[in-house]
C-alpha cells in the first residue's frame, strides 16, 4: 500500500454521541459512507468530556451522566475524495464541525501476522 504514502488531508468530523442519521448513530452512518466511497480508513474516537457551539459541558463522570459525549470521526484521504464526499456528509449532519488539515502519511499497511 505504498501508493498511499505522501501528502494527504486529515478530516475530522466533530459530532455528539447521540446524533442520529435516520435510526442509526451518525458516527456509524459516516463511517459506512466513507467505506462505500472508497476511503483508505476511518476511526471513531469517543471523548470523555467536551463542549460545543452551545457551550454545554458533557462528561462521562458518574456524577454528571451525559447522553451526548463528544465523538470525532477521523479519516485521512486525498483532497479530491474529501471534496467529493463533503456534500453528502454535510447533508447528514444537523450540527457539529468539520476540520481539514494537511497530513503526511509515512506508513500505511495491513496488519501482518508474525
N, C-alpha and C. Protein backbone atom coordinates (compact mmCIF):
# COMPACT_ATOMS: atom_id res chain seq x y z
N UNK A 1 0.82 -1.20 0.00
CA UNK A 1 0.00 0.00 0.00
C UNK A 1 0.86 1.26 0.00
N UNK A 2 2.02 1.20 -0.59
CA UNK A 2 2.90 2.37 -0.60
C UNK A 2 2.36 3.51 -1.45
N UNK A 3 1.39 3.24 -2.33
CA UNK A 3 0.86 4.32 -3.16
C UNK A 3 0.10 5.37 -2.33
N UNK A 4 -0.28 5.03 -1.11
CA UNK A 4 -1.00 5.98 -0.26
C UNK A 4 -0.05 6.88 0.52
N UNK A 5 1.22 6.56 0.53
CA UNK A 5 2.23 7.35 1.25
C UNK A 5 2.35 8.73 0.60
N UNK A 6 2.48 9.76 1.44
CA UNK A 6 2.68 11.11 0.91
C UNK A 6 1.71 12.11 1.50
N UNK A 7 1.56 13.22 0.80
CA UNK A 7 0.71 14.31 1.28
C UNK A 7 -0.77 13.96 1.11
N UNK A 8 -1.51 14.07 2.18
CA UNK A 8 -2.95 13.80 2.20
C UNK A 8 -3.62 14.86 3.07
N UNK A 9 -4.91 14.66 3.32
CA UNK A 9 -5.68 15.58 4.16
C UNK A 9 -6.33 14.79 5.29
N UNK A 10 -6.20 15.29 6.51
CA UNK A 10 -6.87 14.71 7.67
C UNK A 10 -8.19 15.44 7.87
N UNK A 11 -9.28 14.70 7.77
CA UNK A 11 -10.62 15.26 8.00
C UNK A 11 -11.08 14.79 9.37
N UNK A 12 -11.52 15.75 10.18
CA UNK A 12 -12.10 15.43 11.49
C UNK A 12 -13.53 15.95 11.51
N UNK A 13 -14.44 15.07 11.90
CA UNK A 13 -15.86 15.42 11.99
C UNK A 13 -16.24 15.33 13.46
N UNK A 14 -16.59 16.46 14.05
CA UNK A 14 -16.94 16.54 15.47
C UNK A 14 -18.46 16.54 15.60
N UNK A 15 -18.99 15.53 16.29
CA UNK A 15 -20.43 15.41 16.48
C UNK A 15 -20.70 14.94 17.91
N UNK A 16 -21.97 14.77 18.25
CA UNK A 16 -22.35 14.24 19.55
C UNK A 16 -22.67 12.76 19.43
N UNK A 17 -22.41 12.03 20.50
CA UNK A 17 -22.66 10.59 20.51
C UNK A 17 -24.13 10.26 20.25
N UNK A 18 -25.04 11.14 20.63
CA UNK A 18 -26.46 10.87 20.46
C UNK A 18 -27.00 11.32 19.10
N UNK A 19 -26.16 11.95 18.27
CA UNK A 19 -26.61 12.38 16.94
C UNK A 19 -26.98 11.15 16.10
N UNK A 20 -28.05 11.27 15.36
CA UNK A 20 -28.55 10.16 14.55
C UNK A 20 -28.64 10.56 13.07
N UNK A 21 -28.57 9.54 12.24
CA UNK A 21 -28.90 9.67 10.81
C UNK A 21 -29.96 8.62 10.57
N UNK A 22 -31.20 9.08 10.49
CA UNK A 22 -32.30 8.12 10.48
C UNK A 22 -32.39 7.48 11.85
N UNK A 23 -32.29 6.17 11.89
CA UNK A 23 -32.40 5.45 13.17
C UNK A 23 -31.07 4.92 13.69
N UNK A 24 -29.96 5.23 13.00
CA UNK A 24 -28.66 4.72 13.46
C UNK A 24 -27.77 5.88 13.91
N UNK A 25 -26.81 5.60 14.78
CA UNK A 25 -25.90 6.66 15.21
C UNK A 25 -25.20 7.30 14.01
N UNK A 26 -25.09 8.62 14.04
CA UNK A 26 -24.48 9.35 12.93
C UNK A 26 -23.05 8.90 12.67
N UNK A 27 -22.29 8.63 13.74
CA UNK A 27 -20.90 8.22 13.52
C UNK A 27 -20.82 6.91 12.75
N UNK A 28 -21.77 5.99 12.99
CA UNK A 28 -21.79 4.73 12.23
C UNK A 28 -22.15 5.00 10.77
N UNK A 29 -23.12 5.87 10.54
CA UNK A 29 -23.51 6.21 9.17
C UNK A 29 -22.37 6.88 8.41
N UNK A 30 -21.62 7.74 9.09
CA UNK A 30 -20.49 8.41 8.45
C UNK A 30 -19.39 7.43 8.09
N UNK A 31 -19.06 6.52 9.00
CA UNK A 31 -18.02 5.52 8.72
C UNK A 31 -18.44 4.65 7.54
N UNK A 32 -19.69 4.25 7.51
CA UNK A 32 -20.18 3.42 6.40
C UNK A 32 -20.13 4.19 5.08
N UNK A 33 -20.49 5.47 5.10
CA UNK A 33 -20.39 6.30 3.90
C UNK A 33 -18.95 6.36 3.40
N UNK A 34 -18.02 6.62 4.30
CA UNK A 34 -16.61 6.72 3.91
C UNK A 34 -16.10 5.39 3.36
N UNK A 35 -16.55 4.28 3.94
CA UNK A 35 -16.16 2.96 3.43
C UNK A 35 -16.68 2.76 2.02
N UNK A 36 -17.96 3.08 1.80
CA UNK A 36 -18.56 2.93 0.47
C UNK A 36 -17.92 3.84 -0.56
N UNK A 37 -17.43 4.99 -0.12
CA UNK A 37 -16.80 5.95 -1.03
C UNK A 37 -15.34 5.59 -1.32
N UNK A 38 -14.86 4.49 -0.73
CA UNK A 38 -13.52 4.02 -1.03
C UNK A 38 -12.39 4.68 -0.26
N UNK A 39 -12.71 5.26 0.90
CA UNK A 39 -11.67 5.88 1.73
C UNK A 39 -10.72 4.80 2.24
N UNK A 40 -9.49 5.18 2.49
CA UNK A 40 -8.47 4.24 2.96
C UNK A 40 -8.79 3.71 4.36
N UNK A 41 -9.53 4.47 5.16
CA UNK A 41 -9.89 4.05 6.50
C UNK A 41 -10.56 5.19 7.25
N UNK A 42 -11.15 4.87 8.36
CA UNK A 42 -11.79 5.87 9.23
C UNK A 42 -11.75 5.34 10.66
N UNK A 43 -11.68 6.25 11.61
CA UNK A 43 -11.64 5.90 13.02
C UNK A 43 -12.61 6.78 13.78
N UNK A 44 -13.32 6.20 14.73
CA UNK A 44 -14.22 6.95 15.60
C UNK A 44 -13.59 7.02 16.98
N UNK A 45 -13.47 8.24 17.50
CA UNK A 45 -12.92 8.48 18.83
C UNK A 45 -14.02 9.04 19.72
N UNK A 46 -14.16 8.48 20.91
CA UNK A 46 -15.17 8.94 21.86
C UNK A 46 -14.49 9.79 22.92
N UNK A 47 -14.95 10.99 23.08
CA UNK A 47 -14.38 11.89 24.07
C UNK A 47 -14.89 11.61 25.46
N UNK A 48 -14.09 11.95 26.46
CA UNK A 48 -14.52 11.78 27.85
C UNK A 48 -15.15 13.05 28.39
N UNK A 49 -14.92 14.17 27.70
CA UNK A 49 -15.52 15.44 28.10
C UNK A 49 -15.37 16.43 26.95
N UNK A 50 -16.26 17.43 26.94
CA UNK A 50 -16.15 18.46 25.92
C UNK A 50 -17.38 19.35 25.90
N UNK A 51 -17.29 20.40 25.08
CA UNK A 51 -18.44 21.27 24.85
C UNK A 51 -18.36 21.75 23.41
N UNK A 52 -19.50 22.23 22.90
CA UNK A 52 -19.56 22.66 21.51
C UNK A 52 -20.15 24.05 21.38
N UNK A 53 -20.87 24.27 20.30
CA UNK A 53 -21.38 25.59 19.94
C UNK A 53 -22.29 26.19 21.01
N UNK A 54 -23.00 25.36 21.75
CA UNK A 54 -23.91 25.86 22.80
C UNK A 54 -23.23 25.97 24.16
N UNK A 55 -21.96 25.64 24.25
CA UNK A 55 -21.18 25.69 25.49
C UNK A 55 -21.73 24.82 26.60
N UNK A 56 -22.48 23.78 26.26
CA UNK A 56 -22.97 22.83 27.25
C UNK A 56 -21.87 21.81 27.49
N UNK A 57 -21.46 21.66 28.75
CA UNK A 57 -20.38 20.76 29.12
C UNK A 57 -20.91 19.33 29.22
N UNK A 58 -20.25 18.40 28.54
CA UNK A 58 -20.61 16.99 28.59
C UNK A 58 -19.42 16.22 29.15
N UNK A 59 -19.71 15.28 30.04
CA UNK A 59 -18.63 14.49 30.65
C UNK A 59 -19.11 13.06 30.87
N UNK A 60 -18.15 12.14 30.99
CA UNK A 60 -18.51 10.75 31.27
C UNK A 60 -18.43 10.41 32.75
N UNK A 61 -18.20 11.42 33.61
CA UNK A 61 -18.13 11.17 35.05
C UNK A 61 -19.50 10.73 35.57
N UNK A 62 -19.49 9.83 36.53
CA UNK A 62 -20.74 9.27 37.05
C UNK A 62 -21.65 10.32 37.68
N UNK A 63 -21.08 11.33 38.29
CA UNK A 63 -21.91 12.34 38.95
C UNK A 63 -22.64 13.22 37.95
N UNK A 64 -22.14 13.27 36.73
CA UNK A 64 -22.78 14.08 35.70
C UNK A 64 -22.98 13.21 34.47
N UNK A 65 -23.99 12.37 34.51
CA UNK A 65 -24.24 11.47 33.40
C UNK A 65 -24.62 12.27 32.16
N UNK A 66 -23.93 12.01 31.08
CA UNK A 66 -24.19 12.72 29.84
C UNK A 66 -24.70 11.73 28.81
N UNK A 67 -25.67 12.15 28.05
CA UNK A 67 -26.19 11.32 26.97
C UNK A 67 -25.64 11.77 25.62
N UNK A 68 -24.73 12.71 25.63
CA UNK A 68 -24.24 13.24 24.36
C UNK A 68 -22.75 13.58 24.43
N UNK A 69 -21.93 12.58 24.69
CA UNK A 69 -20.49 12.80 24.74
C UNK A 69 -19.96 13.14 23.35
N UNK A 70 -18.84 13.86 23.30
CA UNK A 70 -18.28 14.21 22.00
C UNK A 70 -17.71 12.98 21.28
N UNK A 71 -17.90 12.97 19.98
CA UNK A 71 -17.38 11.91 19.12
C UNK A 71 -16.68 12.57 17.95
N UNK A 72 -15.53 12.02 17.57
CA UNK A 72 -14.79 12.52 16.41
C UNK A 72 -14.61 11.37 15.43
N UNK A 73 -15.01 11.60 14.19
CA UNK A 73 -14.75 10.65 13.11
C UNK A 73 -13.57 11.21 12.33
N UNK A 74 -12.49 10.43 12.24
CA UNK A 74 -11.29 10.87 11.53
C UNK A 74 -11.05 10.00 10.31
N UNK A 75 -10.59 10.64 9.24
CA UNK A 75 -10.20 9.92 8.03
C UNK A 75 -9.09 10.71 7.35
N UNK A 76 -8.13 9.99 6.80
CA UNK A 76 -7.05 10.60 6.03
C UNK A 76 -7.22 10.14 4.59
N UNK A 77 -7.26 11.11 3.68
CA UNK A 77 -7.53 10.76 2.29
C UNK A 77 -7.02 11.87 1.38
N UNK A 78 -7.10 11.64 0.08
CA UNK A 78 -6.74 12.66 -0.91
C UNK A 78 -7.79 13.77 -0.89
N UNK A 79 -7.37 14.99 -1.16
CA UNK A 79 -8.27 16.15 -1.14
C UNK A 79 -9.47 15.94 -2.07
N UNK A 80 -9.24 15.39 -3.25
CA UNK A 80 -10.32 15.20 -4.22
C UNK A 80 -11.42 14.29 -3.69
N UNK A 81 -11.05 13.22 -3.00
CA UNK A 81 -12.06 12.32 -2.43
C UNK A 81 -12.85 13.00 -1.32
N UNK A 82 -12.16 13.78 -0.51
CA UNK A 82 -12.84 14.50 0.56
C UNK A 82 -13.80 15.53 -0.03
N UNK A 83 -13.34 16.27 -1.03
CA UNK A 83 -14.20 17.26 -1.69
C UNK A 83 -15.45 16.60 -2.27
N UNK A 84 -15.29 15.42 -2.85
CA UNK A 84 -16.41 14.72 -3.49
C UNK A 84 -17.46 14.25 -2.48
N UNK A 85 -17.02 13.84 -1.29
CA UNK A 85 -17.95 13.30 -0.30
C UNK A 85 -18.53 14.38 0.62
N UNK A 86 -17.93 15.55 0.64
CA UNK A 86 -18.34 16.60 1.58
C UNK A 86 -19.83 16.97 1.48
N UNK A 87 -20.42 17.10 0.29
CA UNK A 87 -21.86 17.42 0.24
C UNK A 87 -22.73 16.35 0.91
N UNK A 88 -22.35 15.09 0.77
CA UNK A 88 -23.11 14.00 1.41
C UNK A 88 -22.98 14.08 2.92
N UNK A 89 -21.77 14.35 3.40
CA UNK A 89 -21.56 14.47 4.84
C UNK A 89 -22.36 15.65 5.39
N UNK A 90 -22.28 16.77 4.71
CA UNK A 90 -23.00 17.97 5.14
C UNK A 90 -24.50 17.72 5.22
N UNK A 91 -25.02 16.96 4.28
CA UNK A 91 -26.45 16.64 4.25
C UNK A 91 -26.85 15.76 5.44
N UNK A 92 -25.95 14.93 5.91
CA UNK A 92 -26.23 14.01 7.01
C UNK A 92 -26.19 14.69 8.37
N UNK A 93 -25.48 15.81 8.47
CA UNK A 93 -25.25 16.47 9.75
C UNK A 93 -26.24 17.60 9.98
N UNK A 94 -26.76 17.69 11.20
CA UNK A 94 -27.61 18.83 11.56
C UNK A 94 -26.85 19.82 12.42
N UNK A 95 -25.71 19.43 12.92
CA UNK A 95 -24.85 20.29 13.73
C UNK A 95 -23.46 19.70 13.74
N UNK A 96 -22.58 20.29 14.50
CA UNK A 96 -21.23 19.77 14.59
C UNK A 96 -20.23 20.63 13.85
N UNK A 97 -19.04 20.09 13.63
CA UNK A 97 -17.97 20.84 12.99
C UNK A 97 -17.11 19.86 12.20
N UNK A 98 -16.58 20.33 11.08
CA UNK A 98 -15.64 19.56 10.27
C UNK A 98 -14.39 20.39 10.10
N UNK A 99 -13.23 19.77 10.35
CA UNK A 99 -11.96 20.45 10.11
C UNK A 99 -11.13 19.64 9.13
N UNK A 100 -10.29 20.34 8.39
CA UNK A 100 -9.37 19.71 7.45
C UNK A 100 -7.98 20.26 7.72
N UNK A 101 -6.99 19.39 7.68
CA UNK A 101 -5.61 19.84 7.83
C UNK A 101 -4.69 18.93 7.02
N UNK A 102 -3.56 19.47 6.65
CA UNK A 102 -2.58 18.69 5.90
C UNK A 102 -2.03 17.58 6.77
N UNK A 103 -1.79 16.44 6.13
CA UNK A 103 -1.19 15.30 6.83
C UNK A 103 -0.21 14.62 5.89
N UNK A 104 0.87 14.15 6.44
CA UNK A 104 1.84 13.38 5.66
C UNK A 104 1.79 11.94 6.12
N UNK A 105 1.38 11.05 5.24
CA UNK A 105 1.32 9.63 5.55
C UNK A 105 2.72 9.04 5.32
N UNK A 106 3.31 8.49 6.37
CA UNK A 106 4.64 7.91 6.26
C UNK A 106 4.60 6.37 6.29
N UNK A 107 3.46 5.83 6.71
CA UNK A 107 3.29 4.38 6.69
C UNK A 107 1.80 4.09 6.60
N UNK A 108 1.45 3.13 5.76
CA UNK A 108 0.07 2.66 5.65
C UNK A 108 0.12 1.23 5.16
N UNK A 109 -0.25 0.28 6.02
CA UNK A 109 -0.23 -1.12 5.62
C UNK A 109 -1.19 -1.92 6.48
N UNK A 110 -1.53 -3.09 5.99
CA UNK A 110 -2.37 -4.01 6.75
C UNK A 110 -1.53 -4.69 7.82
N UNK A 111 -2.19 -5.07 8.91
CA UNK A 111 -1.51 -5.82 9.97
C UNK A 111 -1.10 -7.17 9.42
N UNK A 112 0.12 -7.55 9.63
CA UNK A 112 0.62 -8.83 9.16
C UNK A 112 0.98 -9.71 10.34
N UNK A 113 0.53 -10.95 10.30
CA UNK A 113 0.85 -11.91 11.36
C UNK A 113 2.34 -12.21 11.36
N UNK A 114 2.93 -12.35 12.54
CA UNK A 114 4.36 -12.67 12.64
C UNK A 114 4.56 -14.13 12.89
